[in-house]
C-alpha atoms as a PDB file:
ATOM      1  CA  MET A   1      -2.669  -8.979 -14.202  1.00  0.00           C
ATOM      2  CA  ILE A   2       0.863  -9.340 -14.259  1.00  0.00           C
ATOM      3  CA  LYS A   3       2.852  -9.160 -17.394  1.00  0.00           C
ATOM      4  CA  TYR A   4       6.393 -10.120 -17.747  1.00  0.00           C
ATOM      5  CA  THR A   5       7.406  -7.338 -19.845  1.00  0.00           C
ATOM      6  CA  ILE A   6       9.727  -4.591 -19.480  1.00  0.00           C
ATOM      7  CA  PRO A   7       7.092  -1.748 -19.251  1.00  0.00           C
ATOM      8  CA  PHE A   8       5.051  -4.058 -16.044  1.00  0.00           C
ATOM      9  CA  LEU A   9       8.734  -4.009 -14.716  1.00  0.00           C
ATOM     10  CA  THR A  10       8.987  -0.171 -14.896  1.00  0.00           C
ATOM     11  CA  LYS A  11       5.200   0.130 -12.743  1.00  0.00           C
ATOM     12  CA  LEU A  12       6.868  -1.643 -10.494  1.00  0.00           C
ATOM     13  CA  GLU A  13       9.599  -0.374  -9.622  1.00  0.00           C
ATOM     14  CA  ASP A  14       8.186   3.323 -10.139  1.00  0.00           C
ATOM     15  CA  MET A  15       5.771   2.221  -7.177  1.00  0.00           C
ATOM     16  CA  ILE A  16       8.713   1.147  -5.224  1.00  0.00           C
ATOM     17  CA  ALA A  17      10.395   4.153  -5.854  1.00  0.00           C
ATOM     18  CA  GLU A  18       7.425   5.939  -4.881  1.00  0.00           C
ATOM     19  CA  SER A  19       6.882   4.415  -1.621  1.00  0.00           C
ATOM     20  CA  ASP A  20       9.353   4.327   1.635  1.00  0.00           C
ATOM     21  CA  TYR A  21      11.483   1.214   0.157  1.00  0.00           C
ATOM     22  CA  THR A  22      14.867   1.817  -2.337  1.00  0.00           C
ATOM     23  CA  LEU A  23      15.306  -0.834  -4.855  1.00  0.00           C
ATOM     24  CA  ARG A  24      18.684  -1.880  -5.884  1.00  0.00           C
ATOM     25  CA  TYR A  25      19.897  -4.837  -8.425  1.00  0.00           C
ATOM     26  CA  GLU A  26      23.339  -6.073  -7.577  1.00  0.00           C
ATOM     27  CA  LYS A  27      24.870  -9.251  -7.662  1.00  0.00           C
ATOM     28  CA  GLY A  28      24.755 -11.327  -4.731  1.00  0.00           C
ATOM     29  CA  ASN A  29      24.150 -15.205  -3.484  1.00  0.00           C
ATOM     30  CA  PHE A  30      20.576 -14.806  -2.334  1.00  0.00           C
ATOM     31  CA  LYS A  31      18.817 -18.222  -2.005  1.00  0.00           C
ATOM     32  CA  SER A  32      15.809 -16.829  -2.793  1.00  0.00           C
ATOM     33  CA  GLY A  33      17.116 -14.291  -5.289  1.00  0.00           C
ATOM     34  CA  TYR A  34      16.832 -11.333  -3.322  1.00  0.00           C
ATOM     35  CA  CYS A  35      17.001  -9.873  -0.122  1.00  0.00           C
ATOM     36  CA  VAL A  36      14.608  -7.221   2.326  1.00  0.00           C
ATOM     37  CA  LEU A  37      16.358  -4.561   4.697  1.00  0.00           C
ATOM     38  CA  LYS A  38      13.424  -3.852   6.413  1.00  0.00           C
ATOM     39  CA  ASP A  39      14.739  -1.701   9.034  1.00  0.00           C
ATOM     40  CA  GLN A  40      16.907   0.315   6.650  1.00  0.00           C
ATOM     41  CA  LYS A  41      14.015  -0.131   3.982  1.00  0.00           C
ATOM     42  CA  ILE A  42      15.896  -1.438   1.128  1.00  0.00           C
ATOM     43  CA  ILE A  43      14.877  -4.207  -1.378  1.00  0.00           C
ATOM     44  CA  ILE A  44      17.923  -5.862  -3.151  1.00  0.00           C
ATOM     45  CA  VAL A  45      17.271  -8.171  -6.067  1.00  0.00           C
ATOM     46  CA  ASN A  46      19.870 -10.106  -8.494  1.00  0.00           C
ATOM     47  CA  LYS A  47      20.797  -8.003 -11.098  1.00  0.00           C
ATOM     48  CA  PHE A  48      21.759 -10.929 -13.080  1.00  0.00           C
ATOM     49  CA  TYR A  49      18.002 -12.134 -13.033  1.00  0.00           C
ATOM     50  CA  THR A  50      16.006 -12.092 -16.563  1.00  0.00           C
ATOM     51  CA  THR A  51      13.040  -9.822 -16.937  1.00  0.00           C
ATOM     52  CA  GLU A  52      10.860 -12.353 -15.660  1.00  0.00           C
ATOM     53  CA  GLY A  53      12.772 -13.065 -12.565  1.00  0.00           C
ATOM     54  CA  LYS A  54      13.047  -9.749 -11.697  1.00  0.00           C
ATOM     55  CA  ILE A  55       8.933  -9.589 -11.898  1.00  0.00           C
ATOM     56  CA  ASN A  56       8.145 -12.158  -9.965  1.00  0.00           C
ATOM     57  CA  ALA A  57      10.870 -11.537  -7.318  1.00  0.00           C
ATOM     58  CA  LEU A  58       9.135  -8.003  -6.577  1.00  0.00           C
ATOM     59  CA  MET A  59       5.757  -9.466  -6.506  1.00  0.00           C
ATOM     60  CA  GLU A  60       7.153 -11.985  -3.903  1.00  0.00           C
ATOM     61  CA  ILE A  61       8.229  -9.012  -1.691  1.00  0.00           C
ATOM     62  CA  LEU A  62       5.523  -6.960  -2.280  1.00  0.00           C
ATOM     63  CA  LYS A  63       3.637  -9.925  -0.725  1.00  0.00           C
ATOM     64  CA  GLY A  64       5.683  -9.687   2.338  1.00  0.00           C
ATOM     65  CA  VAL A  65       5.875  -5.749   2.986  1.00  0.00           C
ATOM     66  CA  VAL A  66       3.534  -2.873   3.099  1.00  0.00           C
ATOM     67  CA  LEU A  67       4.557  -0.006   1.069  1.00  0.00           C
ATOM     68  CA  ASP A  68       3.768   3.604   2.341  1.00  0.00           C
ATOM     69  CA  ARG A  69       1.820   4.855  -0.471  1.00  0.00           C
ATOM     70  CA  THR A  70       1.111   8.191   0.890  1.00  0.00           C
ATOM     71  CA  ARG A  71       3.502   9.484  -1.965  1.00  0.00           C
ATOM     72  CA  PHE A  72       1.879   7.042  -4.664  1.00  0.00           C
ATOM     73  CA  THR A  73       0.619   8.863  -7.704  1.00  0.00           C
ATOM     74  CA  GLU A  74      -2.840   7.761  -9.183  1.00  0.00           C
ATOM     75  CA  LYS A  75      -1.361   4.945 -11.177  1.00  0.00           C
ATOM     76  CA  SER A  76       0.473   3.869  -8.609  1.00  0.00           C
ATOM     77  CA  GLN A  77      -2.385   3.468  -6.287  1.00  0.00           C
ATOM     78  CA  LYS A  78      -4.209   1.671  -8.881  1.00  0.00           C
ATOM     79  CA  LEU A  79      -1.654  -0.914  -9.485  1.00  0.00           C
ATOM     80  CA  TYR A  80      -0.873  -1.334  -5.941  1.00  0.00           C
ATOM     81  CA  ASP A  81      -4.838  -1.790  -5.125  1.00  0.00           C
ATOM     82  CA  GLU A  82      -5.194  -4.612  -7.748  1.00  0.00           C
ATOM     83  CA  LEU A  83      -1.724  -6.468  -7.010  1.00  0.00           C
ATOM     84  CA  ILE A  84      -3.521  -6.095  -3.311  1.00  0.00           C
ATOM     85  CA  GLN A  85      -6.448  -7.692  -4.583  1.00  0.00           C
ATOM     86  CA  GLN A  86      -5.505 -10.498  -6.778  1.00  0.00           C
ATOM     87  CA  PHE A  87      -2.557 -11.431  -3.719  1.00  0.00           C
ATOM     88  CA  GLN A  88      -5.339 -11.726  -1.565  1.00  0.00           C
ATOM     89  CA  THR A  89      -7.721 -13.401  -4.119  1.00  0.00           C
ATOM     90  CA  ALA A  90      -4.811 -16.445  -4.904  1.00  0.00           C
END
């Protein structure tokens, strides 16, 4: 299911953008490579990560946050449902 490609990364970014969270890529000393400010609904990922690193960070974040799916497009809804199902079986 997970493809370590730029188009898949773009799909994840679009899905997060359609939710109530804001995604930013910035430099920082994050021990895990990312930071989630839940009160402000901001996700910050290390901008120096490779595509694979960014995807892994976003997947890890998606396991721990609940996105508002009311504004999702049909494609984003389908992707989110597939990811949630994958997380539950893993």
